[in-house]
Amino acid sequence: MQAAHVRATAIPSFTDALRAVESLLLRGGQRTARRNAWTSVLEDRRRAKDRIEAQRVLDQFATAAQR
C-alpha cells in the first residue's frame, strides 16, 4: 500500500498579502516611492533613538562632573 501524496501550499504572510495588493493598486514608480518613504521613516526613527541615547550619556557625564 502506497502513502498518498500530500501537497502542501504555504499560507502567505500578512506582509506578502499586502505586497500583492500594493502591486495591484500601485504602479512600479509609486510602489518604489512608497518603500523609499517608509525606509526614510525607519531611518529617522533610528536617528532619533540614537540622539536620545547620546543625550542621556552626555547628561550622565555632566552630572558626574558636577560632583
C-alpha atoms as a PDB file:
ATOM      1  CA  MET A   1       0.000   0.000   0.000  1.00  0.00           C
ATOM      2  CA  GLN A   2       1.440   3.349  -1.019  1.00  0.00           C
ATOM      3  CA  ALA A   3       1.080   6.519   1.013  1.00  0.00           C
ATOM      4  CA  ALA A   4      -0.982   9.250  -0.559  1.00  0.00           C
ATOM      5  CA  HIS A   5       0.946  12.216  -1.886  1.00  0.00           C
ATOM      6  CA  VAL A   6       0.398  15.292   0.227  1.00  0.00           C
ATOM      7  CA  ARG A   7       0.673  18.635  -1.450  1.00  0.00           C
ATOM      8  CA  ALA A   8       1.390  21.478   0.941  1.00  0.00           C
ATOM      9  CA  THR A   9       0.973  25.073  -0.078  1.00  0.00           C
ATOM     10  CA  ALA A  10       2.369  27.824   2.071  1.00  0.00           C
ATOM     11  CA  ILE A  11      -0.098  30.275   3.503  1.00  0.00           C
ATOM     12  CA  PRO A  12       1.052  33.752   2.503  1.00  0.00           C
ATOM     13  CA  SER A  13       2.120  36.014   5.323  1.00  0.00           C
ATOM     14  CA  PHE A  14       0.345  39.267   6.025  1.00  0.00           C
ATOM     15  CA  THR A  15       3.290  41.137   4.500  1.00  0.00           C
ATOM     16  CA  ASP A  16       3.087  39.038   1.342  1.00  0.00           C
ATOM     17  CA  ALA A  17      -0.631  39.748   1.086  1.00  0.00           C
ATOM     18  CA  LEU A  18      -0.064  43.498   1.492  1.00  0.00           C
ATOM     19  CA  ARG A  19       2.625  43.478  -1.174  1.00  0.00           C
ATOM     20  CA  ALA A  20       0.306  41.639  -3.545  1.00  0.00           C
ATOM     21  CA  VAL A  21      -2.435  44.216  -3.003  1.00  0.00           C
ATOM     22  CA  GLU A  22       0.109  47.014  -3.324  1.00  0.00           C
ATOM     23  CA  SER A  23       1.343  45.632  -6.648  1.00  0.00           C
ATOM     24  CA  LEU A  24      -2.220  45.546  -7.966  1.00  0.00           C
ATOM     25  CA  LEU A  25      -3.073  49.064  -6.848  1.00  0.00           C
ATOM     26  CA  LEU A  26       0.153  50.955  -7.427  1.00  0.00           C
ATOM     27  CA  ARG A  27       2.326  51.254 -10.469  1.00  0.00           C
ATOM     28  CA  GLY A  28       6.026  50.455 -10.155  1.00  0.00           C
ATOM     29  CA  GLY A  29       7.221  54.019  -9.556  1.00  0.00           C
ATOM     30  CA  GLN A  30       4.618  54.659  -6.895  1.00  0.00           C
ATOM     31  CA  ARG A  31       5.496  51.410  -5.152  1.00  0.00           C
ATOM     32  CA  THR A  32       9.188  52.339  -5.150  1.00  0.00           C
ATOM     33  CA  ALA A  33       8.431  55.823  -3.833  1.00  0.00           C
ATOM     34  CA  ARG A  34       6.294  54.377  -1.043  1.00  0.00           C
ATOM     35  CA  ARG A  35       9.008  51.930   0.001  1.00  0.00           C
ATOM     36  CA  ASN A  36      11.642  54.676  -0.111  1.00  0.00           C
ATOM     37  CA  ALA A  37       9.434  56.867   2.080  1.00  0.00           C
ATOM     38  CA  TRP A  38       8.972  54.061   4.613  1.00  0.00           C
ATOM     39  CA  THR A  39      12.729  53.415   4.655  1.00  0.00           C
ATOM     40  CA  SER A  40      13.244  57.120   5.398  1.00  0.00           C
ATOM     41  CA  VAL A  41      10.748  56.974   8.259  1.00  0.00           C
ATOM     42  CA  LEU A  42      12.548  53.998   9.791  1.00  0.00           C
ATOM     43  CA  GLU A  43      15.918  55.715   9.405  1.00  0.00           C
ATOM     44  CA  ASP A  44      14.580  58.907  11.038  1.00  0.00           C
ATOM     45  CA  ARG A  45      13.308  56.849  13.963  1.00  0.00           C
ATOM     46  CA  ARG A  46      16.694  55.167  14.322  1.00  0.00           C
ATOM     47  CA  ARG A  47      18.491  58.527  14.309  1.00  0.00           C
ATOM     48  CA  ALA A  48      16.057  59.933  16.888  1.00  0.00           C
ATOM     49  CA  LYS A  49      16.691  56.934  19.130  1.00  0.00           C
ATOM     50  CA  ASP A  50      20.453  57.442  18.738  1.00  0.00           C
ATOM     51  CA  ARG A  51      20.117  61.163  19.615  1.00  0.00           C
ATOM     52  CA  ILE A  52      18.133  60.351  22.751  1.00  0.00           C
ATOM     53  CA  GLU A  53      20.744  57.804  23.831  1.00  0.00           C
ATOM     54  CA  ALA A  54      23.605  60.249  23.152  1.00  0.00           C
ATOM     55  CA  GLN A  55      21.824  62.962  25.148  1.00  0.00           C
ATOM     56  CA  ARG A  56      21.327  60.538  28.051  1.00  0.00           C
ATOM     57  CA  VAL A  57      25.044  59.689  28.086  1.00  0.00           C
ATOM     58  CA  LEU A  58      26.012  63.388  27.939  1.00  0.00           C
ATOM     59  CA  ASP A  59      23.643  64.166  30.817  1.00  0.00           C
ATOM     60  CA  GLN A  60      25.209  61.381  32.893  1.00  0.00           C
ATOM     61  CA  PHE A  61      28.703  62.777  32.279  1.00  0.00           C
ATOM     62  CA  ALA A  62      27.554  66.307  33.136  1.00  0.00           C
ATOM     63  CA  THR A  63      26.001  65.061  36.380  1.00  0.00           C
ATOM     64  CA  ALA A  64      29.158  63.123  37.260  1.00  0.00           C
ATOM     65  CA  ALA A  65      31.375  66.158  36.507  1.00  0.00           C
ATOM     66  CA  GLN A  66      29.360  68.392  38.857  1.00  0.00           C
ATOM     67  CA  ARG A  67      30.042  66.113  41.851  1.00  0.00           C
END
